[in-house]
Amino acid sequence: MAQIEDMEKVICEAMEFNNPVQFSVFMRLPLLNGSETGEIVQIEGHIHYINQQQKISHVMDSKGDTNLIKFEDVVSA
């Protein structure tokens, strides 16, 4: 629970002050037999928007691409 609160604080401060963030995110890779596997990837950028209803952060990286990150997929921030 404390980790979630710490992560929320970091995200809110990063958005407020336009600080760059780095997320470790679990990216799912579906398999042909219906099961899922995945890998942990690093996403760096600035938080552009947080959708509380859908629980998704919009993070713009250095290339200008928007990465949609589900809260449940964040391993660390």
N, C-alpha and C. Protein backbone atom coordinates (compact mmCIF):
# COMPACT_ATOMS: atom_id res chain seq x y z
N MET A 1 0.82 -1.19 0.00
CA MET A 1 0.00 0.00 0.00
C MET A 1 0.87 1.26 0.00
N ALA A 2 1.95 1.22 0.78
CA ALA A 2 2.84 2.37 0.85
C ALA A 2 3.53 2.62 -0.49
N GLN A 3 3.85 1.54 -1.22
CA GLN A 3 4.47 1.68 -2.54
C GLN A 3 3.54 2.39 -3.51
N ILE A 4 2.27 2.07 -3.46
CA ILE A 4 1.29 2.70 -4.35
C ILE A 4 1.18 4.19 -4.02
N GLU A 5 1.14 4.53 -2.74
CA GLU A 5 1.07 5.93 -2.34
C GLU A 5 2.32 6.70 -2.78
N ASP A 6 3.49 6.08 -2.64
CA ASP A 6 4.73 6.72 -3.07
C ASP A 6 4.72 6.94 -4.59
N MET A 7 4.25 5.95 -5.33
CA MET A 7 4.19 6.05 -6.79
C MET A 7 3.23 7.16 -7.20
N GLU A 8 2.08 7.24 -6.54
CA GLU A 8 1.11 8.29 -6.85
C GLU A 8 1.70 9.67 -6.60
N LYS A 9 2.46 9.82 -5.51
CA LYS A 9 3.09 11.09 -5.19
C LYS A 9 4.10 11.48 -6.27
N VAL A 10 4.92 10.54 -6.70
CA VAL A 10 5.92 10.80 -7.75
C VAL A 10 5.23 11.21 -9.04
N ILE A 11 4.17 10.51 -9.40
CA ILE A 11 3.44 10.79 -10.65
C ILE A 11 2.80 12.18 -10.59
N CYS A 12 2.16 12.50 -9.48
CA CYS A 12 1.50 13.81 -9.35
C CYS A 12 2.52 14.95 -9.42
N GLU A 13 3.64 14.80 -8.73
CA GLU A 13 4.68 15.83 -8.77
C GLU A 13 5.27 15.96 -10.17
N ALA A 14 5.49 14.85 -10.84
CA ALA A 14 6.05 14.88 -12.19
C ALA A 14 5.11 15.59 -13.15
N MET A 15 3.83 15.35 -13.00
CA MET A 15 2.87 16.00 -13.89
C MET A 15 2.77 17.49 -13.57
N GLU A 16 2.74 17.84 -12.29
CA GLU A 16 2.61 19.23 -11.88
C GLU A 16 3.79 20.08 -12.34
N PHE A 17 5.00 19.56 -12.20
CA PHE A 17 6.20 20.32 -12.51
C PHE A 17 6.83 19.96 -13.87
N ASN A 18 6.14 19.11 -14.64
CA ASN A 18 6.60 18.66 -15.95
C ASN A 18 7.98 18.00 -15.87
N ASN A 19 8.19 17.25 -14.79
CA ASN A 19 9.44 16.51 -14.62
C ASN A 19 9.40 15.22 -15.44
N PRO A 20 10.53 14.80 -15.97
CA PRO A 20 10.56 13.52 -16.69
C PRO A 20 10.40 12.36 -15.71
N VAL A 21 9.80 11.29 -16.18
CA VAL A 21 9.61 10.09 -15.38
C VAL A 21 10.13 8.88 -16.15
N GLN A 22 10.43 7.84 -15.42
CA GLN A 22 10.80 6.57 -16.02
C GLN A 22 9.96 5.49 -15.36
N PHE A 23 9.21 4.77 -16.18
CA PHE A 23 8.37 3.68 -15.69
C PHE A 23 8.96 2.35 -16.13
N SER A 24 8.91 1.37 -15.25
CA SER A 24 9.13 -0.02 -15.64
C SER A 24 7.73 -0.61 -15.79
N VAL A 25 7.43 -1.09 -17.01
CA VAL A 25 6.07 -1.52 -17.33
C VAL A 25 6.08 -2.95 -17.85
N PHE A 26 5.15 -3.76 -17.38
CA PHE A 26 4.99 -5.12 -17.89
C PHE A 26 4.16 -5.06 -19.16
N MET A 27 4.78 -5.41 -20.29
CA MET A 27 4.09 -5.42 -21.58
C MET A 27 3.69 -6.85 -21.90
N ARG A 28 2.39 -7.06 -22.05
CA ARG A 28 1.87 -8.39 -22.35
C ARG A 28 2.10 -8.75 -23.81
N LEU A 29 2.47 -10.00 -24.03
CA LEU A 29 2.64 -10.53 -25.37
C LEU A 29 1.77 -11.78 -25.48
N PRO A 30 0.66 -11.71 -26.20
CA PRO A 30 -0.23 -12.88 -26.30
C PRO A 30 0.42 -14.01 -27.10
N LEU A 31 0.16 -15.22 -26.67
CA LEU A 31 0.63 -16.40 -27.38
C LEU A 31 -0.50 -16.98 -28.21
N LEU A 32 -0.15 -17.82 -29.15
CA LEU A 32 -1.16 -18.40 -30.04
C LEU A 32 -2.16 -19.28 -29.31
N ASN A 33 -1.76 -19.93 -28.23
CA ASN A 33 -2.67 -20.83 -27.52
C ASN A 33 -3.58 -20.10 -26.53
N GLY A 34 -3.55 -18.76 -26.53
CA GLY A 34 -4.45 -18.00 -25.68
C GLY A 34 -3.83 -17.53 -24.38
N SER A 35 -2.72 -18.13 -23.96
CA SER A 35 -2.09 -17.67 -22.72
C SER A 35 -1.25 -16.43 -23.01
N GLU A 36 -0.83 -15.78 -21.96
CA GLU A 36 -0.06 -14.55 -22.12
C GLU A 36 1.30 -14.68 -21.46
N THR A 37 2.24 -14.01 -22.04
CA THR A 37 3.56 -13.86 -21.44
C THR A 37 3.92 -12.39 -21.64
N GLY A 38 5.08 -11.99 -21.25
CA GLY A 38 5.43 -10.60 -21.45
C GLY A 38 6.84 -10.30 -21.02
N GLU A 39 7.16 -9.02 -21.07
CA GLU A 39 8.47 -8.56 -20.66
C GLU A 39 8.33 -7.20 -19.99
N ILE A 40 9.33 -6.85 -19.20
CA ILE A 40 9.34 -5.55 -18.55
C ILE A 40 10.16 -4.60 -19.41
N VAL A 41 9.55 -3.46 -19.77
CA VAL A 41 10.23 -2.47 -20.60
C VAL A 41 10.28 -1.14 -19.85
N GLN A 42 11.25 -0.33 -20.22
CA GLN A 42 11.42 1.00 -19.63
C GLN A 42 10.79 2.04 -20.56
N ILE A 43 9.97 2.89 -20.01
CA ILE A 43 9.38 3.99 -20.78
C ILE A 43 9.73 5.28 -20.06
N GLU A 44 10.38 6.19 -20.79
CA GLU A 44 10.79 7.47 -20.24
C GLU A 44 10.08 8.59 -20.96
N GLY A 45 9.70 9.62 -20.24
CA GLY A 45 9.06 10.76 -20.86
C GLY A 45 8.39 11.65 -19.83
N HIS A 46 7.45 12.44 -20.32
CA HIS A 46 6.69 13.35 -19.47
C HIS A 46 5.23 12.92 -19.45
N ILE A 47 4.62 13.00 -18.28
CA ILE A 47 3.21 12.64 -18.17
C ILE A 47 2.39 13.76 -18.78
N HIS A 48 1.63 13.41 -19.79
CA HIS A 48 0.82 14.38 -20.51
C HIS A 48 -0.59 14.46 -19.93
N TYR A 49 -1.12 13.30 -19.51
CA TYR A 49 -2.50 13.25 -19.05
C TYR A 49 -2.69 11.97 -18.23
N ILE A 50 -3.56 12.03 -17.23
CA ILE A 50 -3.92 10.85 -16.46
C ILE A 50 -5.43 10.68 -16.54
N ASN A 51 -5.86 9.53 -17.04
CA ASN A 51 -7.28 9.21 -17.12
C ASN A 51 -7.63 8.34 -15.91
N GLN A 52 -8.25 8.95 -14.91
CA GLN A 52 -8.57 8.24 -13.66
C GLN A 52 -9.63 7.16 -13.87
N GLN A 53 -10.58 7.41 -14.76
CA GLN A 53 -11.66 6.45 -14.97
C GLN A 53 -11.15 5.17 -15.60
N GLN A 54 -10.31 5.31 -16.62
CA GLN A 54 -9.77 4.13 -17.31
C GLN A 54 -8.48 3.64 -16.68
N LYS A 55 -7.96 4.40 -15.70
CA LYS A 55 -6.72 4.06 -15.01
C LYS A 55 -5.55 3.90 -15.99
N ILE A 56 -5.36 4.96 -16.79
CA ILE A 56 -4.30 4.98 -17.80
C ILE A 56 -3.56 6.31 -17.73
N SER A 57 -2.22 6.25 -17.82
CA SER A 57 -1.40 7.45 -17.93
C SER A 57 -0.96 7.61 -19.38
N HIS A 58 -0.98 8.83 -19.87
CA HIS A 58 -0.49 9.15 -21.21
C HIS A 58 0.90 9.76 -21.02
N VAL A 59 1.93 9.06 -21.46
CA VAL A 59 3.31 9.52 -21.29
C VAL A 59 3.90 9.80 -22.67
N MET A 60 4.36 11.04 -22.86
CA MET A 60 4.96 11.42 -24.14
C MET A 60 6.47 11.23 -24.03
N ASP A 61 7.03 10.42 -24.94
CA ASP A 61 8.46 10.16 -24.89
C ASP A 61 9.23 11.20 -25.71
N SER A 62 10.55 11.05 -25.78
CA SER A 62 11.40 12.03 -26.46
C SER A 62 11.17 12.11 -27.96
N LYS A 63 10.57 11.07 -28.53
CA LYS A 63 10.26 11.06 -29.97
C LYS A 63 8.94 11.76 -30.25
N GLY A 64 8.20 12.11 -29.21
CA GLY A 64 6.89 12.72 -29.38
C GLY A 64 5.76 11.71 -29.44
N ASP A 65 6.08 10.43 -29.23
CA ASP A 65 5.06 9.38 -29.23
C ASP A 65 4.38 9.34 -27.87
N THR A 66 3.07 9.09 -27.88
CA THR A 66 2.31 8.95 -26.64
C THR A 66 2.19 7.48 -26.30
N ASN A 67 2.63 7.12 -25.11
CA ASN A 67 2.53 5.75 -24.60
C ASN A 67 1.40 5.70 -23.60
N LEU A 68 0.46 4.80 -23.80
CA LEU A 68 -0.65 4.63 -22.87
C LEU A 68 -0.26 3.52 -21.89
N ILE A 69 -0.15 3.90 -20.63
CA ILE A 69 0.31 2.96 -19.61
C ILE A 69 -0.80 2.70 -18.62
N LYS A 70 -1.22 1.45 -18.53
CA LYS A 70 -2.23 1.06 -17.55
C LYS A 70 -1.60 1.05 -16.16
N PHE A 71 -2.31 1.58 -15.19
CA PHE A 71 -1.80 1.62 -13.82
C PHE A 71 -1.40 0.23 -13.36
N GLU A 72 -2.19 -0.78 -13.70
CA GLU A 72 -1.95 -2.15 -13.23
C GLU A 72 -0.68 -2.77 -13.81
N ASP A 73 -0.16 -2.20 -14.90
CA ASP A 73 1.02 -2.75 -15.56
C ASP A 73 2.33 -2.12 -15.06
N VAL A 74 2.24 -1.06 -14.25
CA VAL A 74 3.44 -0.38 -13.76
C VAL A 74 4.09 -1.22 -12.67
N VAL A 75 5.36 -1.55 -12.90
CA VAL A 75 6.13 -2.31 -11.94
C VAL A 75 6.82 -1.36 -10.97
N SER A 76 7.38 -0.26 -11.50
CA SER A 76 7.99 0.77 -10.66
C SER A 76 8.02 2.09 -11.41
N ALA A 77 8.10 3.17 -10.64
CA ALA A 77 8.18 4.53 -11.23
C ALA A 77 9.32 5.28 -10.60
